[in-house]
Amino acid sequence: MDLVSTKYTYACDPDYCDCLIELTTSDKFGFPATVNNITCPCGRVLEPLSVVTDTILPITEQKENSMDTIAEVYNPDLLVTYKRVTNGEVEFATDKVNHIEWELSQSRRNAERNAKMNDKVFTLENMLHTYCQEASSPDMAFITEIAELFDISLTKDIEVTGTISFSATVRVSLTDEYDIESMINDELSVSSYGGDVDVNDYSIEDVREY
């Protein structure tokens, strides 16, 4: 059943923002809504220019009308020019709609297949890491071959703690007081230069001046 509603039309001062707003409301029974004025984005309160009865089609009918309109204008042989990026290079290509649809369909299939393959590789990686724990030398050679084939890194992360001793030369003022421990804590840091080591935390203790 069609929904009988009330359509309000508002207009702001044309010397300022010249905004035109249309608002359709309903209380589901067809009675006029109680909206009398609204606020324009510029901040002015607007009075309605007109109030008329309007009809809103049910959502299902709106979708059907929309699909009918699309079907009427759809042309699979229409030539379309679009932008394509290949290896960072931008080019413009022209092709028929049905050819573009086929490529998009193939792309979706490839994306789904790659997602499933990534899940399988992730499962395989976990399996190889588990097998490495108790593998014999012949088995290890086989596991390594499979890992190289699927570009799987046979590594694991371990936590390490240790003690670092250091010596440093610090330039201090001869006229002002200084706190050597605070200076060292502010200016000395521990970091790694290799990609296999990440320094998670460190502390500096027992800083003494000789």
Protein backbone atom coordinates (compact mmCIF):
# COMPACT_ATOMS: atom_id res chain seq x y z
CA MET A 1 0.00 0.00 0.00
CA ASP A 2 1.23 3.48 -0.87
CA LEU A 3 2.18 5.67 2.07
CA VAL A 4 0.44 9.07 2.06
CA SER A 5 2.81 11.70 3.48
CA THR A 6 3.31 15.46 3.74
CA LYS A 7 5.95 17.21 1.64
CA TYR A 8 7.45 20.49 2.94
CA THR A 9 9.52 22.87 0.81
CA TYR A 10 11.84 25.41 2.47
CA ALA A 11 14.09 28.12 0.99
CA CYS A 12 16.72 30.26 2.70
CA ASP A 13 17.47 33.94 1.97
CA PRO A 14 18.89 34.06 -1.60
CA ASP A 15 21.15 36.95 -0.54
CA TYR A 16 22.96 34.58 1.82
CA CYS A 17 23.10 30.84 1.08
CA ASP A 18 20.09 30.39 -1.28
CA CYS A 19 19.47 26.88 0.11
CA LEU A 20 16.45 24.85 -1.04
CA ILE A 21 15.31 21.97 1.19
CA GLU A 22 12.54 19.43 0.62
CA LEU A 23 11.33 17.28 3.53
CA THR A 24 8.78 14.48 3.28
CA THR A 25 7.35 13.10 6.54
CA SER A 26 4.52 10.80 7.59
CA ASP A 27 2.98 9.40 10.76
CA LYS A 28 2.02 6.21 8.83
CA PHE A 29 -1.65 7.21 8.88
CA GLY A 30 -1.61 10.00 6.30
CA PHE A 31 -2.25 12.89 8.69
CA PRO A 32 -0.20 16.08 8.18
CA ALA A 33 3.05 15.96 10.14
CA THR A 34 3.71 18.52 12.87
CA VAL A 35 6.93 19.87 11.35
CA ASN A 36 6.53 23.64 10.96
CA ASN A 37 10.09 24.84 10.44
CA ILE A 38 13.62 23.54 10.33
CA THR A 39 17.10 25.08 10.64
CA CYS A 40 19.17 25.77 7.55
CA PRO A 41 22.86 24.67 7.59
CA CYS A 42 23.72 28.38 7.73
CA GLY A 43 21.87 28.65 11.06
CA ARG A 44 18.68 30.42 9.98
CA VAL A 45 15.28 29.03 10.96
CA LEU A 46 13.26 28.42 7.80
CA GLU A 47 9.53 28.76 7.32
CA PRO A 48 7.87 26.37 4.81
CA LEU A 49 7.12 27.80 1.37
CA SER A 50 4.65 25.05 0.56
CA VAL A 51 3.00 22.05 2.22
CA VAL A 52 1.49 19.44 -0.09
CA THR A 53 0.37 15.85 0.12
CA ASP A 54 2.85 13.38 -1.30
CA THR A 55 2.92 9.64 -1.87
CA ILE A 56 5.87 7.40 -1.01
CA LEU A 57 6.00 4.03 -2.73
CA PRO A 58 6.84 0.98 -0.59
CA ILE A 59 10.53 0.10 -0.60
CA THR A 60 9.93 -3.07 -2.64
CA GLU A 61 8.24 -1.08 -5.40
CA GLN A 62 11.04 1.51 -5.34
CA LYS A 63 13.60 -1.27 -5.85
CA GLU A 64 11.56 -2.81 -8.66
CA ASN A 65 11.25 0.55 -10.42
CA SER A 66 14.98 1.15 -9.97
CA MET A 67 15.85 -2.27 -11.45
CA ASP A 68 13.48 -1.68 -14.36
CA THR A 69 15.19 1.65 -15.08
CA ILE A 70 18.63 0.02 -14.97
CA ALA A 71 17.50 -2.76 -17.29
CA GLU A 72 16.20 -0.23 -19.80
CA VAL A 73 19.51 1.68 -20.03
CA TYR A 74 21.83 -1.36 -19.70
CA ASN A 75 23.84 -1.98 -22.88
CA PRO A 76 26.40 -4.83 -22.70
CA ASP A 77 28.06 -3.65 -25.93
CA LEU A 78 28.54 -0.08 -24.72
CA LEU A 79 32.16 1.12 -24.98
CA VAL A 80 33.53 2.44 -21.69
CA THR A 81 36.85 4.23 -21.12
CA TYR A 82 38.37 3.63 -17.68
CA LYS A 83 41.64 4.12 -15.83
CA ARG A 84 43.83 1.07 -15.21
CA VAL A 85 46.95 0.94 -13.02
CA THR A 86 49.53 -1.74 -13.89
CA ASN A 87 52.80 -1.95 -11.93
CA GLY A 88 52.33 1.64 -10.81
CA GLU A 89 51.79 2.88 -14.38
CA VAL A 90 48.47 4.59 -15.17
CA GLU A 91 46.85 3.98 -18.54
CA PHE A 92 43.41 4.52 -20.02
CA ALA A 93 41.68 1.61 -21.73
CA THR A 94 38.45 1.34 -23.70
CA ASP A 95 36.42 -1.86 -23.70
CA LYS A 96 32.87 -3.17 -23.90
CA VAL A 97 30.77 -3.43 -20.77
CA ASN A 98 30.42 -7.23 -21.05
CA HIS A 99 34.21 -7.65 -21.34
CA ILE A 100 34.74 -5.49 -18.24
CA GLU A 101 32.11 -7.52 -16.39
CA TRP A 102 33.92 -10.74 -17.32
CA GLU A 103 37.24 -9.37 -16.05
CA LEU A 104 35.62 -8.24 -12.79
CA SER A 105 34.07 -11.68 -12.36
CA GLN A 106 37.44 -13.36 -12.95
CA SER A 107 39.05 -10.96 -10.51
CA ARG A 108 36.52 -11.86 -7.82
CA ARG A 109 37.13 -15.58 -8.42
CA ASN A 110 40.89 -15.05 -8.19
CA ALA A 111 40.53 -13.06 -4.97
CA GLU A 112 38.41 -15.83 -3.42
CA ARG A 113 40.90 -18.49 -4.57
CA ASN A 114 43.85 -16.47 -3.19
CA ALA A 115 42.09 -16.03 0.16
CA LYS A 116 41.53 -19.79 0.43
CA MET A 117 45.15 -20.46 -0.59
CA ASN A 118 46.45 -18.01 2.02
CA ASP A 119 44.46 -19.83 4.69
CA LYS A 120 45.97 -23.15 3.58
CA VAL A 121 49.51 -21.71 3.57
CA PHE A 122 48.96 -20.32 7.07
CA THR A 123 47.84 -23.77 8.25
CA LEU A 124 50.84 -25.37 6.52
CA GLU A 125 53.20 -22.88 8.21
CA ASN A 126 51.87 -23.84 11.65
CA MET A 127 52.22 -27.53 10.80
CA LEU A 128 55.83 -27.15 9.62
CA HIS A 129 56.75 -25.18 12.74
CA THR A 130 55.31 -27.99 14.87
CA TYR A 131 57.07 -30.74 12.90
CA CYS A 132 60.41 -28.91 13.16
CA GLN A 133 60.46 -29.43 16.94
CA GLU A 134 61.06 -33.20 16.72
CA ALA A 135 62.08 -33.74 13.08
CA SER A 136 65.06 -35.95 12.17
CA SER A 137 67.69 -34.77 9.71
CA PRO A 138 66.03 -36.40 6.64
CA ASP A 139 62.64 -35.05 7.70
CA MET A 140 64.15 -31.63 8.31
CA ALA A 141 65.51 -31.53 4.77
CA PHE A 142 62.04 -32.37 3.43
CA ILE A 143 60.39 -29.75 5.66
CA THR A 144 62.92 -27.12 4.56
CA GLU A 145 62.22 -27.90 0.90
CA ILE A 146 58.49 -27.47 1.38
CA ALA A 147 59.02 -24.22 3.34
CA GLU A 148 61.17 -22.77 0.55
CA LEU A 149 58.57 -23.76 -2.05
CA PHE A 150 55.84 -21.80 -0.22
CA ASP A 151 58.17 -19.01 0.98
CA ILE A 152 57.64 -19.95 4.64
CA SER A 153 60.21 -18.77 7.16
CA LEU A 154 61.09 -21.50 9.66
CA THR A 155 61.71 -19.21 12.61
CA LYS A 156 60.25 -18.52 16.04
CA ASP A 157 60.40 -15.64 18.51
CA ILE A 158 62.05 -16.14 21.90
CA GLU A 159 62.38 -13.82 24.88
CA VAL A 160 65.94 -12.93 25.97
CA THR A 161 67.21 -11.03 29.01
CA GLY A 162 70.76 -9.87 29.69
CA THR A 163 73.00 -7.28 31.33
CA ILE A 164 74.83 -4.53 29.43
CA SER A 165 77.76 -2.59 30.88
CA PHE A 166 78.78 0.67 29.25
CA SER A 167 81.23 3.52 29.56
CA ALA A 168 80.63 6.99 28.15
CA THR A 169 82.07 10.48 28.05
CA VAL A 170 79.57 13.16 29.07
CA ARG A 171 80.06 16.90 28.61
CA VAL A 172 78.80 18.78 31.70
CA SER A 173 78.75 22.39 32.85
CA LEU A 174 81.49 23.72 35.15
CA THR A 175 79.22 26.42 36.58
CA ASP A 176 75.82 24.72 36.95
CA GLU A 177 74.81 21.67 38.93
CA TYR A 178 73.97 18.53 37.01
CA ASP A 179 72.41 15.13 37.61
CA ILE A 180 74.51 12.58 35.75
CA GLU A 181 71.95 9.77 36.16
CA SER A 182 69.17 11.87 34.63
CA MET A 183 71.44 12.90 31.75
CA ILE A 184 72.31 9.29 30.97
CA ASN A 185 68.67 8.19 31.17
CA ASP A 186 67.66 11.00 28.80
CA GLU A 187 70.40 10.54 26.21
CA LEU A 188 71.42 6.87 26.27
CA SER A 189 69.27 4.27 24.50
CA VAL A 190 69.54 0.59 23.60
CA SER A 191 68.49 -0.48 20.11
CA SER A 192 69.22 -3.17 17.54
CA TYR A 193 70.53 -2.80 14.01
CA GLY A 194 69.43 -6.20 12.72
CA GLY A 195 65.97 -7.24 11.66
CA ASP A 196 66.10 -10.39 13.82
CA VAL A 197 66.37 -8.55 17.15
CA ASP A 198 63.77 -6.21 18.63
CA VAL A 199 64.55 -4.44 21.92
CA ASN A 200 61.29 -4.50 23.88
CA ASP A 201 62.47 -2.83 27.10
CA TYR A 202 65.62 -1.73 28.95
CA SER A 203 66.60 -0.01 32.17
CA ILE A 204 69.70 1.96 33.19
CA GLU A 205 70.92 1.48 36.74
CA ASP A 206 73.96 2.25 38.87
CA VAL A 207 75.20 5.28 36.92
CA ARG A 208 78.35 6.62 38.60
CA GLU A 209 80.85 9.33 37.77
CA TYR A 210 84.58 8.45 37.96
